[in-house]
Amino acid sequence: MSPCAKLLSVAEASNRAGGAAMSEQSRRYDRAAAEALAFRGDSHFPVLAEVPGGMHVLELGTSTGYMSRALVERACTVVGVEYDPGAAELAAAHCERMIVGDLDDPELLDELADERFDLVLAADVLEHLK
């Protein structure tokens, strides 16, 4: 199974899971996503290729942090926002700060009002918003 097909399979299982199972599903998704990104077959690879090193990045929808990890490897600093607490817990290891909440909530980003970013990244997240 290709890394991309594996990622889709894990994502589908993750969508069906809930509660404690979600944390394990998040870990599996993270491994599959990182493998797909390394394989350069992931939809995020072209986005990552355009990010210069050393940027201060606001990543909307970090999922488990596989993009955050890749950004940090490029000497970027990352502030992450993620809806799923289990995924956010994994992503937090790669972010200087993690905000857990719903991007559809207009007050969610109030705490970032005075912070400036070089780049706001929303890869594969906009289609999930209402």
Protein backbone atom coordinates (compact mmCIF):
# COMPACT_ATOMS: atom_id res chain seq x y z
CA MET A 1 0.00 0.00 0.00
CA SER A 2 1.38 3.41 -0.97
CA PRO A 3 1.99 5.96 1.82
CA CYS A 4 -0.89 8.09 0.51
CA ALA A 5 -3.34 5.16 0.43
CA LYS A 6 -2.20 4.20 3.92
CA LEU A 7 -2.83 7.76 5.11
CA LEU A 8 -6.36 7.72 3.68
CA SER A 9 -7.07 4.35 5.32
CA VAL A 10 -5.89 5.61 8.71
CA ALA A 11 -7.84 8.86 8.31
CA GLU A 12 -11.05 6.95 7.57
CA ALA A 13 -10.54 4.77 10.66
CA SER A 14 -9.78 7.88 12.69
CA ASN A 15 -13.05 9.48 11.60
CA ARG A 16 -14.95 6.43 12.88
CA ALA A 17 -13.09 6.31 16.21
CA GLY A 18 -13.95 8.23 19.33
CA GLY A 19 -12.83 8.72 22.94
CA ALA A 20 -9.70 6.83 24.00
CA ALA A 21 -9.46 5.16 20.59
CA MET A 22 -8.99 8.60 19.02
CA SER A 23 -5.66 9.07 20.72
CA GLU A 24 -4.33 5.82 19.23
CA GLN A 25 -5.88 6.72 15.87
CA SER A 26 -4.14 10.12 16.07
CA ARG A 27 -0.80 8.40 16.63
CA ARG A 28 -1.35 6.09 13.64
CA TYR A 29 -2.40 9.04 11.49
CA ASP A 30 0.74 10.94 12.53
CA ARG A 31 3.00 8.06 11.51
CA ALA A 32 1.21 7.57 8.19
CA ALA A 33 1.19 11.31 7.44
CA ALA A 34 4.89 11.70 8.20
CA GLU A 35 5.62 8.72 5.94
CA ALA A 36 3.52 10.20 3.11
CA LEU A 37 5.20 13.60 3.51
CA ALA A 38 8.65 12.00 3.39
CA PHE A 39 7.53 10.06 0.32
CA ARG A 40 6.66 13.44 -1.25
CA GLY A 41 3.33 12.01 -2.33
CA ASP A 42 1.33 13.97 0.22
CA SER A 43 -0.66 17.05 -0.78
CA HIS A 44 1.28 19.00 1.85
CA PHE A 45 4.67 18.49 0.23
CA PRO A 46 4.25 21.24 -2.42
CA VAL A 47 3.12 23.63 0.33
CA LEU A 48 6.10 22.78 2.52
CA ALA A 49 8.46 23.22 -0.43
CA GLU A 50 7.39 26.88 -0.70
CA VAL A 51 8.09 27.75 2.97
CA PRO A 52 11.47 29.40 3.53
CA GLY A 53 13.39 28.39 6.62
CA GLY A 54 13.32 30.53 9.73
CA MET A 55 9.70 31.70 9.41
CA HIS A 56 7.39 32.33 12.36
CA VAL A 57 4.35 30.27 11.28
CA LEU A 58 0.74 30.14 12.44
CA GLU A 59 -0.44 26.69 11.40
CA LEU A 60 -4.22 26.37 11.33
CA GLY A 61 -5.31 22.75 11.63
CA THR A 62 -2.08 21.11 12.73
CA SER A 63 -3.62 17.67 13.01
CA THR A 64 -0.97 15.58 14.74
CA GLY A 65 1.88 17.95 13.93
CA TYR A 66 3.56 16.22 11.02
CA MET A 67 3.74 19.53 9.11
CA SER A 68 4.75 21.36 12.29
CA ARG A 69 7.61 18.89 12.72
CA ALA A 70 8.72 19.43 9.10
CA LEU A 71 8.56 23.22 9.58
CA VAL A 72 10.65 23.02 12.76
CA GLU A 73 13.20 20.94 10.83
CA ARG A 74 13.42 23.98 8.51
CA ALA A 75 14.24 26.19 11.54
CA CYS A 76 10.72 27.66 11.67
CA THR A 77 8.85 28.37 14.87
CA VAL A 78 5.24 27.21 14.89
CA VAL A 79 2.14 28.27 16.78
CA GLY A 80 -0.54 25.67 16.16
CA VAL A 81 -4.32 25.61 16.25
CA GLU A 82 -6.13 22.26 16.27
CA TYR A 83 -9.71 21.18 16.93
CA ASP A 84 -9.01 17.61 18.11
CA PRO A 85 -7.46 17.49 21.60
CA GLY A 86 -5.71 14.14 20.98
CA ALA A 87 -4.11 15.36 17.77
CA ALA A 88 -3.23 18.69 19.40
CA GLU A 89 -1.44 16.86 22.20
CA LEU A 90 0.83 15.17 19.66
CA ALA A 91 1.36 18.36 17.66
CA ALA A 92 2.22 20.38 20.76
CA ALA A 93 5.59 18.59 20.91
CA HIS A 94 6.59 20.51 17.77
CA CYS A 95 4.93 23.86 18.46
CA GLU A 96 6.07 26.71 20.69
CA ARG A 97 2.39 27.10 21.58
CA MET A 98 -0.78 25.11 20.87
CA ILE A 99 -4.33 26.44 20.88
CA VAL A 100 -7.07 23.81 21.03
CA GLY A 101 -10.36 24.98 19.62
CA ASP A 102 -12.75 25.35 16.72
CA LEU A 103 -11.63 27.67 13.90
CA ASP A 104 -15.30 28.47 13.31
CA ASP A 105 -15.29 30.27 16.69
CA PRO A 106 -14.42 33.91 15.92
CA GLU A 107 -12.99 34.46 19.41
CA LEU A 108 -10.58 31.53 19.22
CA LEU A 109 -7.67 33.55 17.90
CA ASP A 110 -8.18 36.59 20.17
CA GLU A 111 -5.14 35.57 22.21
CA LEU A 112 -3.01 35.99 19.08
CA ALA A 113 -4.25 39.51 18.32
CA ASP A 114 -0.93 41.14 19.19
CA GLU A 115 1.31 38.47 17.69
CA ARG A 116 2.76 38.77 14.19
CA PHE A 117 3.52 35.86 11.86
CA ASP A 118 5.60 35.60 8.71
CA LEU A 119 3.22 32.99 7.34
CA VAL A 120 -0.25 31.64 8.08
CA LEU A 121 -0.59 28.07 6.87
CA ALA A 122 -4.01 26.44 6.37
CA ALA A 123 -3.23 23.34 4.30
CA ASP A 124 -6.18 20.99 3.88
CA VAL A 125 -8.21 22.77 6.55
CA LEU A 126 -10.48 25.27 4.81
CA GLU A 127 -12.81 22.57 3.49
CA HIS A 128 -13.56 21.57 7.09
CA LEU A 129 -14.87 25.00 8.09
CA LYS A 130 -18.54 25.91 8.08
